[in-house]
Amino acid sequence: VMRRNPFGMDICCRKGSRSPLQELYNPTQVSLSNTAILHQIRRDQVTDTCRASSVSSRKRRVLTPNDLKHLVVDEDHEMIYCYVPKVACTNWKRVMMVLTGRGKYSDPMEIPANEAHVSSNLKTLNQYSIPEINHRLKNYMKFLFVREPFERLVSAYRNKFTQKYNTSFHKRYGTKIVRRQRKNATQEALRKGDDVKFEEFVAYLIDPHTQREEPFNEHWQTVYSLCHPCHIHYDLIGKYETLEEDSNYILQLAGVGNYLKFPTYAKSTRTTDEMTTEFFQNISSEHQTQLYEVYKLDFLMFNYSVPSYLKLE
């Protein structure tokens, strides 16, 4: 099926041309080969961390379909994107909708944010048979985007617990956190759960009870647990700090870089390093140390140094 998009370019079905995977590992353009070296370094870092933490040498866990629900598949361009909430995932889902929409969408920013999160709008890897899954993992270019773990955590907290409209989060998690972490909580706080303090959120995350009870919500789950980088070999690891360059590099590899650019707009409410520092001011060094342990693999794997504001024990 050839559909034309409004740019007059054929988005769909690039058969016959080189796949993103070929273009990444054997670049035909010099401009792409310099960037390829940077991504090789990032890949090596992940491999080394997996080896050092002996994650891969322990009885190798077989991934289940449930482990693959964050991997979005683009058949036409032979790419797989593992989405990590709070790391530009809304915009990347919008871009994936343009890439897989066969001309239905042309401008990512015209897609409403809530539309990007409707699961039926994108196909995920867990919807395929085992042989199909294996074929795609082997032949498609796999990528994900990461962010400094505590900045991502503060971003998730601000979004889910300080915005009045997130009542479902307040009900599901806020009430539980207040009940467990707040002495003498008022009846209203126990009912609404809409005034969770960051210190209470941290205490909830490091509470062994929480870990046993159920997996973390995807907004604060580790990248390691969402995307399984020790079991799935990612060809590209984009970073939030270099979001625009990394995203447009991926679109170039996919052969769509001429007419599809990653949407960039500076969000005035974006969580910054300074903001994160402030949030951690009131967290005891004991809790900081325990929290760092929870996210340690993400720090090591994606080469983020221990934040200077931390007072680790």
Foldseek 3Di string as FASTA:
>chain_A
DFAAAPVRDTLFAPPPDDALVCCLVPNPDPVNVVVSVVQVVLLVLQQVLCVVVVVCVPPHDDDALVLFLQWFAAVGRLETEREFPLQCRLLVLLVSLCNRVNRPDQASVVQDSVNSPPSVSTDILSVDDPVVSVVSLVGGAYEYEDEDQLLLVVVLCCVQQADPPNQVSQQPPLLVLCVPQPPPDDPVCNRRSRHDALQSVLVLVLPVCNVVPDADDSSNHAPCSNNVCSVRRHSGYHYSVPVQVRVLSSCVSSVNSVRDGRDDDDDPPRRDPVNSLVSCPPHDLDSLQSSCVNHVSVCSSSVNDDDPSHDHD
